């Protein structure tokens, strides 16, 4: 399997886990979405807002676009936020469809949010590293989401890679 084919597979998995997780999230009451949970984020809503914004951020970076503002994500209704997350997952899949191993090796310049507050010139890494970071970030926070849902008395969807393979 080529590296490009591997990344296409990872983004197929990414779309699947977003599509599998969104129905349970869509069914949550507004009160439950904002119920305090112990973890890195105050609530399920805050966690998903972060995931969607950072997903948007990495998509902009790999397409050589400026960092997006956070405010539009926070202004979205819950349904709009989940629809945006699904749309972004489809965007990753479209981006992955055109990947080649040569494209994955291309170095992409970008700036972190912190570098905008300093004189730091930013970073430059291969596209493959930026795509891996985007996937890893979502996976990390899906683990936090599962923990938060359990705190609220819910059973989270099984979104692990093995569950995707066994579907």
Foldseek 3Di string as FASTA:
>chain_A
DAPLVVQLVLLVLVLVLLVQQVVVQVPDDPVQQQCADDDPDRGVLRLLLVLLQVLVQLVCQLVVHARDDSVVSVPDDSVVSSVSSSVSSVVSNVVSVPDDNVQQQAKTWDADPVCVVDVDPGDIGGNVVSSVVSSVVVVVSVVVSQVRCVVSVHHGDDSDPVVVVVD
